[in-house]
Amino acid sequence: MTVTPFDAQPATAGDADAITRLLLLTARGDEAAFRQLYDQVAGAVYGLVKRIVRNPAQSEEVAQEVLVEVWRLATRFDPERGTGKTWILTLAHRRAVDRVRSSQAATDRDTRYGVANHEPDHDQVSDEAQVRLEQRQVRRALGELTEVQRTAVELAYYKGFTHQQVAQTLDIPLGTAKTRLRDGLIHLRDAMGVTS
């Protein structure tokens, strides 16, 4: 397992004042303070983003964008309006929500385009007609089976029963169940005109 900078432990409540001080120093262009700030908040930022975005790779990307934004916008931070950690996590939340909305909008746009420009293939229509015809033939052929053959075939092929389960359900010996299935299938094959 690879360790990313976002795997660091999130800052605790006691670190809020330290984060605020580091953010104020970062606003003055202090790169060392930003490195410390990054170490303090990267885990919390990534964790928040991942809960919203859900995709780990995209979450890492969004978290990185947020931390770059913290560096660029640190001068906008106002300690009178809240703690540094709250400000950073608010940026993270907004950026994550924007990513989700953007992804959803792209998906919706693609779906609308696909629906608007979909033309059913001629082969698809033909295939559907062929399937309906075959279904009618199967129903007609099933109607020609004896009651015991039809019951055995329906249990085995429509309900997915094994030969043993067919025998138990019909309270008949296993060999008899197999014979009824075989005879029913032979009759169906002949009725459907299958040659092989």
N, C-alpha and C. Protein backbone atom coordinates (compact mmCIF):
# COMPACT_ATOMS: atom_id res chain seq x y z
N MET A 1 0.85 -1.18 0.00
CA MET A 1 0.00 0.00 0.00
C MET A 1 0.89 1.24 0.00
N THR A 2 0.62 2.14 -0.93
CA THR A 2 1.39 3.37 -0.98
C THR A 2 0.79 4.38 -0.02
N VAL A 3 1.64 5.19 0.54
CA VAL A 3 1.20 6.19 1.50
C VAL A 3 1.23 7.54 0.79
N THR A 4 0.13 8.25 0.82
CA THR A 4 0.06 9.57 0.22
C THR A 4 0.13 10.60 1.34
N PRO A 5 0.40 11.84 0.99
CA PRO A 5 0.42 12.89 2.02
C PRO A 5 -0.94 13.01 2.70
N PHE A 6 -1.98 12.51 2.08
CA PHE A 6 -3.31 12.64 2.64
C PHE A 6 -3.61 11.56 3.67
N ASP A 7 -2.71 10.61 3.85
CA ASP A 7 -2.91 9.57 4.84
C ASP A 7 -2.51 10.04 6.24
N ALA A 8 -1.99 11.24 6.35
CA ALA A 8 -1.58 11.77 7.65
C ALA A 8 -2.79 11.89 8.56
N GLN A 9 -2.56 11.84 9.85
CA GLN A 9 -3.65 11.99 10.80
C GLN A 9 -4.19 13.41 10.75
N PRO A 10 -5.52 13.57 10.78
CA PRO A 10 -6.09 14.91 10.75
C PRO A 10 -5.75 15.68 12.02
N ALA A 11 -5.79 16.98 11.89
CA ALA A 11 -5.51 17.84 13.04
C ALA A 11 -6.60 17.68 14.09
N THR A 12 -6.22 17.80 15.34
CA THR A 12 -7.19 17.69 16.43
C THR A 12 -7.73 19.06 16.78
N ALA A 13 -8.76 19.09 17.62
CA ALA A 13 -9.38 20.36 18.02
C ALA A 13 -8.35 21.26 18.70
N GLY A 14 -7.41 20.67 19.47
CA GLY A 14 -6.39 21.45 20.16
C GLY A 14 -5.42 22.13 19.21
N ASP A 15 -5.38 21.65 17.96
CA ASP A 15 -4.48 22.22 16.97
C ASP A 15 -5.10 23.40 16.24
N ALA A 16 -6.35 23.74 16.54
CA ALA A 16 -7.06 24.79 15.80
C ALA A 16 -6.31 26.12 15.89
N ASP A 17 -5.84 26.47 17.07
CA ASP A 17 -5.11 27.73 17.20
C ASP A 17 -3.81 27.68 16.42
N ALA A 18 -3.12 26.53 16.44
CA ALA A 18 -1.87 26.39 15.69
C ALA A 18 -2.14 26.50 14.20
N ILE A 19 -3.22 25.91 13.73
CA ILE A 19 -3.57 25.98 12.31
C ILE A 19 -3.86 27.43 11.92
N THR A 20 -4.58 28.14 12.77
CA THR A 20 -4.88 29.55 12.49
C THR A 20 -3.59 30.35 12.40
N ARG A 21 -2.67 30.15 13.35
CA ARG A 21 -1.39 30.87 13.31
C ARG A 21 -0.61 30.53 12.04
N LEU A 22 -0.57 29.25 11.68
CA LEU A 22 0.15 28.84 10.47
C LEU A 22 -0.49 29.43 9.22
N LEU A 23 -1.80 29.50 9.21
CA LEU A 23 -2.49 30.08 8.06
C LEU A 23 -2.20 31.58 7.93
N LEU A 24 -2.14 32.28 9.06
CA LEU A 24 -1.80 33.70 9.03
C LEU A 24 -0.37 33.92 8.54
N LEU A 25 0.53 33.03 8.96
CA LEU A 25 1.92 33.12 8.47
C LEU A 25 1.98 32.80 6.97
N THR A 26 1.20 31.83 6.55
CA THR A 26 1.15 31.47 5.13
C THR A 26 0.66 32.66 4.32
N ALA A 27 -0.31 33.40 4.84
CA ALA A 27 -0.83 34.58 4.15
C ALA A 27 0.28 35.61 3.92
N ARG A 28 1.31 35.59 4.74
CA ARG A 28 2.44 36.51 4.57
C ARG A 28 3.51 35.94 3.64
N GLY A 29 3.25 34.74 3.08
CA GLY A 29 4.19 34.13 2.15
C GLY A 29 5.21 33.22 2.80
N ASP A 30 5.02 32.83 4.04
CA ASP A 30 5.95 31.96 4.77
C ASP A 30 5.78 30.51 4.30
N GLU A 31 6.73 30.06 3.47
CA GLU A 31 6.65 28.71 2.91
C GLU A 31 6.82 27.63 3.97
N ALA A 32 7.68 27.87 4.94
CA ALA A 32 7.87 26.88 6.02
C ALA A 32 6.57 26.71 6.81
N ALA A 33 5.88 27.80 7.06
CA ALA A 33 4.60 27.73 7.77
C ALA A 33 3.58 26.95 6.94
N PHE A 34 3.61 27.16 5.61
CA PHE A 34 2.67 26.44 4.75
C PHE A 34 2.95 24.93 4.77
N ARG A 35 4.24 24.55 4.77
CA ARG A 35 4.58 23.13 4.85
C ARG A 35 4.02 22.52 6.13
N GLN A 36 4.17 23.23 7.24
CA GLN A 36 3.63 22.74 8.51
C GLN A 36 2.10 22.69 8.46
N LEU A 37 1.51 23.72 7.90
CA LEU A 37 0.06 23.77 7.77
C LEU A 37 -0.43 22.59 6.92
N TYR A 38 0.25 22.34 5.83
CA TYR A 38 -0.08 21.23 4.94
C TYR A 38 -0.08 19.92 5.72
N ASP A 39 1.00 19.69 6.49
CA ASP A 39 1.10 18.47 7.29
C ASP A 39 -0.04 18.36 8.30
N GLN A 40 -0.46 19.49 8.84
CA GLN A 40 -1.52 19.50 9.86
C GLN A 40 -2.91 19.21 9.28
N VAL A 41 -3.20 19.72 8.09
CA VAL A 41 -4.57 19.65 7.59
C VAL A 41 -4.80 18.71 6.40
N ALA A 42 -3.75 18.21 5.79
CA ALA A 42 -3.92 17.39 4.58
C ALA A 42 -4.82 16.19 4.82
N GLY A 43 -4.66 15.50 5.94
CA GLY A 43 -5.49 14.32 6.23
C GLY A 43 -6.95 14.68 6.40
N ALA A 44 -7.22 15.78 7.11
CA ALA A 44 -8.60 16.21 7.33
C ALA A 44 -9.25 16.65 6.01
N VAL A 45 -8.49 17.36 5.19
CA VAL A 45 -9.01 17.82 3.90
C VAL A 45 -9.34 16.62 3.03
N TYR A 46 -8.40 15.69 2.92
CA TYR A 46 -8.63 14.50 2.10
C TYR A 46 -9.82 13.70 2.61
N GLY A 47 -9.91 13.52 3.93
CA GLY A 47 -11.01 12.76 4.51
C GLY A 47 -12.37 13.38 4.19
N LEU A 48 -12.47 14.69 4.33
CA LEU A 48 -13.72 15.38 4.03
C LEU A 48 -14.07 15.25 2.55
N VAL A 49 -13.08 15.48 1.69
CA VAL A 49 -13.31 15.41 0.25
C VAL A 49 -13.72 14.00 -0.15
N LYS A 50 -13.07 13.00 0.40
CA LYS A 50 -13.37 11.62 0.03
C LYS A 50 -14.79 11.23 0.43
N ARG A 51 -15.28 11.74 1.56
CA ARG A 51 -16.66 11.44 1.97
C ARG A 51 -17.66 12.02 0.98
N ILE A 52 -17.30 13.08 0.30
CA ILE A 52 -18.22 13.71 -0.66
C ILE A 52 -18.03 13.16 -2.07
N VAL A 53 -16.79 13.07 -2.51
CA VAL A 53 -16.49 12.67 -3.89
C VAL A 53 -16.54 11.16 -4.06
N ARG A 54 -16.10 10.43 -3.07
CA ARG A 54 -16.11 8.96 -2.98
C ARG A 54 -15.03 8.27 -3.80
N ASN A 55 -14.61 8.81 -4.90
CA ASN A 55 -13.57 8.20 -5.71
C ASN A 55 -12.21 8.61 -5.14
N PRO A 56 -11.38 7.63 -4.69
CA PRO A 56 -10.10 7.98 -4.06
C PRO A 56 -9.17 8.81 -4.94
N ALA A 57 -9.06 8.47 -6.20
CA ALA A 57 -8.16 9.22 -7.10
C ALA A 57 -8.65 10.65 -7.28
N GLN A 58 -9.94 10.81 -7.52
CA GLN A 58 -10.48 12.16 -7.67
C GLN A 58 -10.39 12.93 -6.35
N SER A 59 -10.55 12.21 -5.24
CA SER A 59 -10.46 12.86 -3.93
C SER A 59 -9.07 13.42 -3.70
N GLU A 60 -8.05 12.65 -4.08
CA GLU A 60 -6.68 13.15 -3.94
C GLU A 60 -6.47 14.39 -4.79
N GLU A 61 -7.00 14.35 -6.01
CA GLU A 61 -6.85 15.49 -6.91
C GLU A 61 -7.54 16.73 -6.34
N VAL A 62 -8.77 16.57 -5.85
CA VAL A 62 -9.50 17.70 -5.29
C VAL A 62 -8.80 18.22 -4.03
N ALA A 63 -8.34 17.31 -3.18
CA ALA A 63 -7.64 17.74 -1.95
C ALA A 63 -6.39 18.54 -2.30
N GLN A 64 -5.67 18.10 -3.32
CA GLN A 64 -4.48 18.84 -3.76
C GLN A 64 -4.86 20.22 -4.26
N GLU A 65 -5.95 20.30 -5.03
CA GLU A 65 -6.42 21.60 -5.52
C GLU A 65 -6.77 22.52 -4.34
N VAL A 66 -7.39 21.97 -3.33
CA VAL A 66 -7.78 22.77 -2.15
C VAL A 66 -6.54 23.31 -1.46
N LEU A 67 -5.53 22.48 -1.30
CA LEU A 67 -4.33 22.92 -0.59
C LEU A 67 -3.56 23.97 -1.40
N VAL A 68 -3.59 23.87 -2.71
CA VAL A 68 -3.00 24.92 -3.53
C VAL A 68 -3.81 26.20 -3.37
N GLU A 69 -5.13 26.05 -3.32
CA GLU A 69 -6.01 27.20 -3.12
C GLU A 69 -5.75 27.86 -1.76
N VAL A 70 -5.47 27.05 -0.74
CA VAL A 70 -5.15 27.61 0.58
C VAL A 70 -3.92 28.50 0.46
N TRP A 71 -2.90 28.05 -0.26
CA TRP A 71 -1.69 28.84 -0.43
C TRP A 71 -2.01 30.15 -1.16
N ARG A 72 -2.81 30.05 -2.24
CA ARG A 72 -3.12 31.23 -3.04
C ARG A 72 -4.05 32.22 -2.34
N LEU A 73 -5.00 31.70 -1.55
CA LEU A 73 -6.04 32.55 -0.97
C LEU A 73 -5.87 32.82 0.52
N ALA A 74 -4.74 32.45 1.07
CA ALA A 74 -4.53 32.61 2.52
C ALA A 74 -4.73 34.05 2.97
N THR A 75 -4.46 35.00 2.10
CA THR A 75 -4.64 36.41 2.49
C THR A 75 -6.11 36.77 2.70
N ARG A 76 -7.02 35.96 2.19
CA ARG A 76 -8.46 36.22 2.37
C ARG A 76 -8.99 35.70 3.70
N PHE A 77 -8.19 34.91 4.38
CA PHE A 77 -8.64 34.35 5.65
C PHE A 77 -8.79 35.46 6.69
N ASP A 78 -9.93 35.46 7.38
CA ASP A 78 -10.22 36.46 8.41
C ASP A 78 -10.43 35.72 9.73
N PRO A 79 -9.45 35.80 10.66
CA PRO A 79 -9.57 35.07 11.93
C PRO A 79 -10.74 35.55 12.79
N GLU A 80 -11.32 36.70 12.46
CA GLU A 80 -12.48 37.20 13.19
C GLU A 80 -13.73 36.39 12.85
N ARG A 81 -13.72 35.72 11.71
CA ARG A 81 -14.91 35.00 11.24
C ARG A 81 -14.87 33.51 11.57
N GLY A 82 -13.76 33.01 12.08
CA GLY A 82 -13.66 31.60 12.43
C GLY A 82 -12.22 31.14 12.46
N THR A 83 -12.04 29.85 12.75
CA THR A 83 -10.69 29.30 12.85
C THR A 83 -10.14 28.99 11.47
N GLY A 84 -8.83 28.84 11.42
CA GLY A 84 -8.17 28.49 10.16
C GLY A 84 -8.63 27.13 9.65
N LYS A 85 -8.79 26.20 10.56
CA LYS A 85 -9.21 24.85 10.16
C LYS A 85 -10.60 24.90 9.54
N THR A 86 -11.51 25.65 10.13
CA THR A 86 -12.86 25.78 9.60
C THR A 86 -12.82 26.40 8.21
N TRP A 87 -12.02 27.42 8.03
CA TRP A 87 -11.91 28.08 6.73
C TRP A 87 -11.40 27.10 5.67
N ILE A 88 -10.36 26.35 6.01
CA ILE A 88 -9.77 25.39 5.06
C ILE A 88 -10.78 24.29 4.73
N LEU A 89 -11.47 23.76 5.74
CA LEU A 89 -12.43 22.69 5.49
C LEU A 89 -13.65 23.20 4.71
N THR A 90 -13.98 24.47 4.88
CA THR A 90 -15.06 25.07 4.07
C THR A 90 -14.64 25.12 2.61
N LEU A 91 -13.39 25.52 2.35
CA LEU A 91 -12.87 25.50 0.97
C LEU A 91 -12.93 24.08 0.41
N ALA A 92 -12.52 23.11 1.22
CA ALA A 92 -12.51 21.71 0.77
C ALA A 92 -13.92 21.24 0.46
N HIS A 93 -14.86 21.56 1.33
CA HIS A 93 -16.24 21.13 1.12
C HIS A 93 -16.79 21.73 -0.18
N ARG A 94 -16.58 23.01 -0.37
CA ARG A 94 -17.09 23.66 -1.58
C ARG A 94 -16.48 23.06 -2.84
N ARG A 95 -15.18 22.84 -2.80
CA ARG A 95 -14.49 22.29 -3.98
C ARG A 95 -14.98 20.87 -4.27
N ALA A 96 -15.18 20.07 -3.23
CA ALA A 96 -15.67 18.69 -3.42
C ALA A 96 -17.08 18.69 -4.00
N VAL A 97 -17.94 19.53 -3.46
CA VAL A 97 -19.31 19.61 -3.97
C VAL A 97 -19.30 20.07 -5.42
N ASP A 98 -18.45 21.04 -5.75
CA ASP A 98 -18.33 21.49 -7.14
C ASP A 98 -17.92 20.34 -8.05
N ARG A 99 -16.99 19.51 -7.60
CA ARG A 99 -16.53 18.38 -8.42
C ARG A 99 -17.68 17.39 -8.65
N VAL A 100 -18.43 17.09 -7.61
CA VAL A 100 -19.56 16.16 -7.76
C VAL A 100 -20.59 16.74 -8.72
N ARG A 101 -20.91 18.01 -8.55
CA ARG A 101 -21.90 18.65 -9.44
C ARG A 101 -21.41 18.66 -10.88
N SER A 102 -20.15 18.95 -11.06
CA SER A 102 -19.58 18.98 -12.41
C SER A 102 -19.64 17.60 -13.05
N SER A 103 -19.29 16.57 -12.29
CA SER A 103 -19.34 15.20 -12.81
C SER A 103 -20.77 14.81 -13.16
N GLN A 104 -21.71 15.16 -12.29
CA GLN A 104 -23.11 14.82 -12.54
C GLN A 104 -23.64 15.56 -13.76
N ALA A 105 -23.26 16.83 -13.90
CA ALA A 105 -23.70 17.60 -15.06
C ALA A 105 -23.16 16.99 -16.35
N ALA A 106 -21.92 16.55 -16.34
CA ALA A 106 -21.34 15.91 -17.53
C ALA A 106 -22.06 14.62 -17.85
N THR A 107 -22.37 13.84 -16.84
CA THR A 107 -23.10 12.58 -17.04
C THR A 107 -24.48 12.87 -17.60
N ASP A 108 -25.18 13.85 -17.02
CA ASP A 108 -26.52 14.20 -17.50
C ASP A 108 -26.47 14.69 -18.95
N ARG A 109 -25.46 15.49 -19.26
CA ARG A 109 -25.31 16.00 -20.62
C ARG A 109 -25.09 14.85 -21.60
N ASP A 110 -24.23 13.92 -21.24
CA ASP A 110 -23.97 12.76 -22.11
C ASP A 110 -25.22 11.92 -22.28
N THR A 111 -25.97 11.74 -21.20
CA THR A 111 -27.20 10.95 -21.27
C THR A 111 -28.22 11.62 -22.19
N ARG A 112 -28.40 12.94 -22.00
CA ARG A 112 -29.36 13.66 -22.87
C ARG A 112 -28.93 13.57 -24.34
N TYR A 113 -27.66 13.69 -24.60
CA TYR A 113 -27.17 13.59 -25.97
C TYR A 113 -27.43 12.20 -26.53
N GLY A 114 -27.13 11.19 -25.73
CA GLY A 114 -27.33 9.81 -26.18
C GLY A 114 -28.79 9.51 -26.47
N VAL A 115 -29.68 9.98 -25.61
CA VAL A 115 -31.11 9.75 -25.82
C VAL A 115 -31.60 10.50 -27.06
N ALA A 116 -31.17 11.74 -27.20
CA ALA A 116 -31.63 12.55 -28.32
C ALA A 116 -31.11 12.02 -29.66
N ASN A 117 -29.96 11.40 -29.67
CA ASN A 117 -29.35 10.97 -30.92
C ASN A 117 -29.39 9.47 -31.13
N HIS A 118 -30.19 8.79 -30.35
CA HIS A 118 -30.27 7.33 -30.48
C HIS A 118 -31.22 6.94 -31.60
N GLU A 119 -30.73 6.14 -32.49
CA GLU A 119 -31.57 5.58 -33.54
C GLU A 119 -31.48 4.07 -33.41
N PRO A 120 -32.62 3.42 -33.22
CA PRO A 120 -32.56 1.97 -33.08
C PRO A 120 -32.01 1.33 -34.35
N ASP A 121 -31.12 0.40 -34.16
CA ASP A 121 -30.56 -0.32 -35.29
C ASP A 121 -31.63 -1.18 -35.93
N HIS A 122 -31.55 -1.28 -37.25
CA HIS A 122 -32.50 -2.15 -37.95
C HIS A 122 -32.38 -3.57 -37.42
N ASP A 123 -31.16 -4.00 -37.18
CA ASP A 123 -30.94 -5.35 -36.67
C ASP A 123 -31.60 -5.53 -35.30
N GLN A 124 -31.60 -4.49 -34.47
CA GLN A 124 -32.20 -4.58 -33.14
C GLN A 124 -33.70 -4.83 -33.27
N VAL A 125 -34.36 -4.11 -34.14
CA VAL A 125 -35.79 -4.30 -34.35
C VAL A 125 -36.06 -5.71 -34.88
N SER A 126 -35.25 -6.11 -35.82
CA SER A 126 -35.38 -7.45 -36.39
C SER A 126 -35.17 -8.53 -35.33
N ASP A 127 -34.15 -8.32 -34.49
CA ASP A 127 -33.87 -9.28 -33.42
C ASP A 127 -35.03 -9.39 -32.45
N GLU A 128 -35.62 -8.24 -32.09
CA GLU A 128 -36.75 -8.26 -31.17
C GLU A 128 -37.94 -9.01 -31.77
N ALA A 129 -38.19 -8.81 -33.06
CA ALA A 129 -39.28 -9.53 -33.73
C ALA A 129 -39.00 -11.02 -33.75
N GLN A 130 -37.76 -11.38 -34.00
CA GLN A 130 -37.38 -12.80 -34.02
C GLN A 130 -37.57 -13.44 -32.65
N VAL A 131 -37.18 -12.72 -31.60
CA VAL A 131 -37.34 -13.25 -30.24
C VAL A 131 -38.81 -13.47 -29.92
N ARG A 132 -39.66 -12.52 -30.28
CA ARG A 132 -41.10 -12.67 -30.03
C ARG A 132 -41.67 -13.88 -30.76
N LEU A 133 -41.24 -14.05 -32.00
CA LEU A 133 -41.71 -15.19 -32.79
C LEU A 133 -41.28 -16.50 -32.13
N GLU A 134 -40.02 -16.56 -31.69
CA GLU A 134 -39.53 -17.78 -31.03
C GLU A 134 -40.26 -18.03 -29.72
N GLN A 135 -40.58 -16.97 -28.98
CA GLN A 135 -41.32 -17.14 -27.73
C GLN A 135 -42.70 -17.74 -27.99
N ARG A 136 -43.38 -17.29 -29.06
CA ARG A 136 -44.69 -17.86 -29.40
C ARG A 136 -44.55 -19.33 -29.78
N GLN A 137 -43.48 -19.65 -30.54
CA GLN A 137 -43.27 -21.04 -30.94
C GLN A 137 -43.02 -21.93 -29.71
N VAL A 138 -42.25 -21.42 -28.76
CA VAL A 138 -41.97 -22.20 -27.54
C VAL A 138 -43.25 -22.42 -26.75
N ARG A 139 -44.06 -21.36 -26.60
CA ARG A 139 -45.32 -21.51 -25.86
C ARG A 139 -46.24 -22.53 -26.54
N ARG A 140 -46.32 -22.45 -27.86
CA ARG A 140 -47.16 -23.40 -28.60
C ARG A 140 -46.62 -24.82 -28.42
N ALA A 141 -45.30 -24.98 -28.52
CA ALA A 141 -44.70 -26.32 -28.37
C ALA A 141 -44.89 -26.84 -26.95
N LEU A 142 -44.78 -25.97 -25.95
CA LEU A 142 -45.02 -26.40 -24.56
C LEU A 142 -46.46 -26.87 -24.39
N GLY A 143 -47.38 -26.22 -25.08
CA GLY A 143 -48.79 -26.61 -24.99
C GLY A 143 -49.05 -27.98 -25.57
N GLU A 144 -48.17 -28.45 -26.44
CA GLU A 144 -48.34 -29.77 -27.05
C GLU A 144 -47.76 -30.90 -26.20
N LEU A 145 -47.00 -30.55 -25.16
CA LEU A 145 -46.44 -31.57 -24.28
C LEU A 145 -47.53 -32.16 -23.39
N THR A 146 -47.26 -33.37 -22.91
CA THR A 146 -48.18 -33.93 -21.91
C THR A 146 -48.02 -33.13 -20.63
N GLU A 147 -48.99 -33.19 -19.76
CA GLU A 147 -48.96 -32.43 -18.51
C GLU A 147 -47.71 -32.75 -17.70
N VAL A 148 -47.35 -34.05 -17.60
CA VAL A 148 -46.19 -34.43 -16.78
C VAL A 148 -44.89 -33.94 -17.40
N GLN A 149 -44.79 -33.97 -18.75
CA GLN A 149 -43.59 -33.47 -19.41
C GLN A 149 -43.47 -31.96 -19.23
N ARG A 150 -44.58 -31.25 -19.45
CA ARG A 150 -44.57 -29.79 -19.33
C ARG A 150 -44.18 -29.37 -17.92
N THR A 151 -44.73 -30.03 -16.90
CA THR A 151 -44.41 -29.69 -15.52
C THR A 151 -42.93 -29.89 -15.24
N ALA A 152 -42.37 -31.00 -15.69
CA ALA A 152 -40.96 -31.29 -15.47
C ALA A 152 -40.08 -30.26 -16.18
N VAL A 153 -40.42 -29.92 -17.43
CA VAL A 153 -39.63 -28.95 -18.20
C VAL A 153 -39.71 -27.57 -17.55
N GLU A 154 -40.90 -27.16 -17.13
CA GLU A 154 -41.05 -25.84 -16.49
C GLU A 154 -40.26 -25.75 -15.20
N LEU A 155 -40.27 -26.84 -14.41
CA LEU A 155 -39.49 -26.82 -13.16
C LEU A 155 -38.00 -26.71 -13.45
N ALA A 156 -37.54 -27.47 -14.45
CA ALA A 156 -36.11 -27.51 -14.74
C ALA A 156 -35.63 -26.24 -15.44
N TYR A 157 -36.37 -25.73 -16.40
CA TYR A 157 -35.85 -24.65 -17.23
C TYR A 157 -36.40 -23.27 -16.89
N TYR A 158 -37.54 -23.20 -16.30
CA TYR A 158 -38.07 -21.88 -15.92
C TYR A 158 -37.79 -21.57 -14.46
N LYS A 159 -37.76 -22.59 -13.62
CA LYS A 159 -37.50 -22.35 -12.21
C LYS A 159 -36.08 -22.74 -11.81
N GLY A 160 -35.34 -23.35 -12.73
CA GLY A 160 -33.94 -23.65 -12.48
C GLY A 160 -33.70 -24.85 -11.56
N PHE A 161 -34.66 -25.74 -11.45
CA PHE A 161 -34.51 -26.91 -10.59
C PHE A 161 -33.54 -27.91 -11.21
N THR A 162 -32.81 -28.62 -10.37
CA THR A 162 -31.96 -29.72 -10.84
C THR A 162 -32.85 -30.93 -11.07
N HIS A 163 -32.29 -31.95 -11.72
CA HIS A 163 -33.06 -33.19 -11.92
C HIS A 163 -33.54 -33.75 -10.58
N GLN A 164 -32.66 -33.71 -9.60
CA GLN A 164 -32.99 -34.22 -8.26
C GLN A 164 -34.15 -33.43 -7.66
N GLN A 165 -34.11 -32.10 -7.80
CA GLN A 165 -35.17 -31.26 -7.24
C GLN A 165 -36.49 -31.48 -7.98
N VAL A 166 -36.42 -31.71 -9.30
CA VAL A 166 -37.64 -32.01 -10.06
C VAL A 166 -38.26 -33.30 -9.54
N ALA A 167 -37.41 -34.31 -9.34
CA ALA A 167 -37.89 -35.60 -8.84
C ALA A 167 -38.53 -35.44 -7.47
N GLN A 168 -37.89 -34.69 -6.59
CA GLN A 168 -38.42 -34.50 -5.24
C GLN A 168 -39.73 -33.71 -5.28
N THR A 169 -39.79 -32.66 -6.10
CA THR A 169 -40.99 -31.83 -6.18
C THR A 169 -42.18 -32.62 -6.71
N LEU A 170 -41.92 -33.44 -7.72
CA LEU A 170 -43.01 -34.22 -8.31
C LEU A 170 -43.23 -35.55 -7.60
N ASP A 171 -42.38 -35.84 -6.61
CA ASP A 171 -42.47 -37.08 -5.83
C ASP A 171 -42.42 -38.31 -6.74
N ILE A 172 -41.38 -38.29 -7.60
CA ILE A 172 -41.16 -39.40 -8.53
C ILE A 172 -39.69 -39.80 -8.44
N PRO A 173 -39.35 -41.00 -8.91
CA PRO A 173 -37.95 -41.41 -8.90
C PRO A 173 -37.12 -40.52 -9.84
N LEU A 174 -35.84 -40.41 -9.53
CA LEU A 174 -34.94 -39.56 -10.32
C LEU A 174 -34.93 -39.98 -11.78
N GLY A 175 -34.88 -41.28 -12.05
CA GLY A 175 -34.87 -41.77 -13.43
C GLY A 175 -36.12 -41.36 -14.19
N THR A 176 -37.24 -41.40 -13.52
CA THR A 176 -38.51 -41.00 -14.16
C THR A 176 -38.48 -39.51 -14.49
N ALA A 177 -37.95 -38.69 -13.57
CA ALA A 177 -37.85 -37.26 -13.82
C ALA A 177 -36.97 -36.99 -15.04
N LYS A 178 -35.83 -37.68 -15.12
CA LYS A 178 -34.93 -37.50 -16.25
C LYS A 178 -35.59 -37.91 -17.56
N THR A 179 -36.35 -39.00 -17.54
CA THR A 179 -37.04 -39.47 -18.73
C THR A 179 -38.07 -38.46 -19.19
N ARG A 180 -38.86 -37.93 -18.25
CA ARG A 180 -39.87 -36.93 -18.61
C ARG A 180 -39.21 -35.68 -19.21
N LEU A 181 -38.11 -35.27 -18.64
CA LEU A 181 -37.41 -34.09 -19.17
C LEU A 181 -36.87 -34.38 -20.57
N ARG A 182 -36.24 -35.53 -20.73
CA ARG A 182 -35.67 -35.89 -22.04
C ARG A 182 -36.76 -35.97 -23.09
N ASP A 183 -37.86 -36.68 -22.79
CA ASP A 183 -38.95 -36.80 -23.75
C ASP A 183 -39.56 -35.44 -24.08
N GLY A 184 -39.71 -34.59 -23.05
CA GLY A 184 -40.27 -33.26 -23.27
C GLY A 184 -39.38 -32.42 -24.16
N LEU A 185 -38.08 -32.48 -23.92
CA LEU A 185 -37.14 -31.70 -24.72
C LEU A 185 -37.06 -32.20 -26.17
N ILE A 186 -37.15 -33.52 -26.35
CA ILE A 186 -37.16 -34.07 -27.71
C ILE A 186 -38.38 -33.55 -28.46
N HIS A 187 -39.53 -33.58 -27.77
CA HIS A 187 -40.76 -33.10 -28.40
C HIS A 187 -40.66 -31.61 -28.73
N LEU A 188 -40.08 -30.80 -27.81
CA LEU A 188 -39.90 -29.39 -28.06
C LEU A 188 -38.98 -29.15 -29.25
N ARG A 189 -37.90 -29.90 -29.30
CA ARG A 189 -36.95 -29.76 -30.41
C ARG A 189 -37.64 -30.04 -31.74
N ASP A 190 -38.41 -31.11 -31.78
CA ASP A 190 -39.10 -31.47 -33.02
C ASP A 190 -40.15 -30.41 -33.38
N ALA A 191 -40.87 -29.91 -32.38
CA ALA A 191 -41.91 -28.91 -32.62
C ALA A 191 -41.31 -27.59 -33.10
N MET A 192 -40.11 -27.29 -32.64
CA MET A 192 -39.46 -26.05 -33.04
C MET A 192 -38.70 -26.17 -34.36
N GLY A 193 -38.58 -27.41 -34.86
CA GLY A 193 -37.90 -27.60 -36.13
C GLY A 193 -36.39 -27.52 -36.00
N VAL A 194 -35.86 -27.79 -34.80
CA VAL A 194 -34.41 -27.75 -34.59
C VAL A 194 -33.82 -29.04 -35.10
N THR A 195 -32.79 -28.94 -35.93
CA THR A 195 -32.13 -30.13 -36.45
C THR A 195 -30.67 -30.13 -36.03
N SER A 196 -30.32 -31.04 -35.14
CA SER A 196 -28.91 -31.19 -34.75
C SER A 196 -28.78 -32.37 -33.83
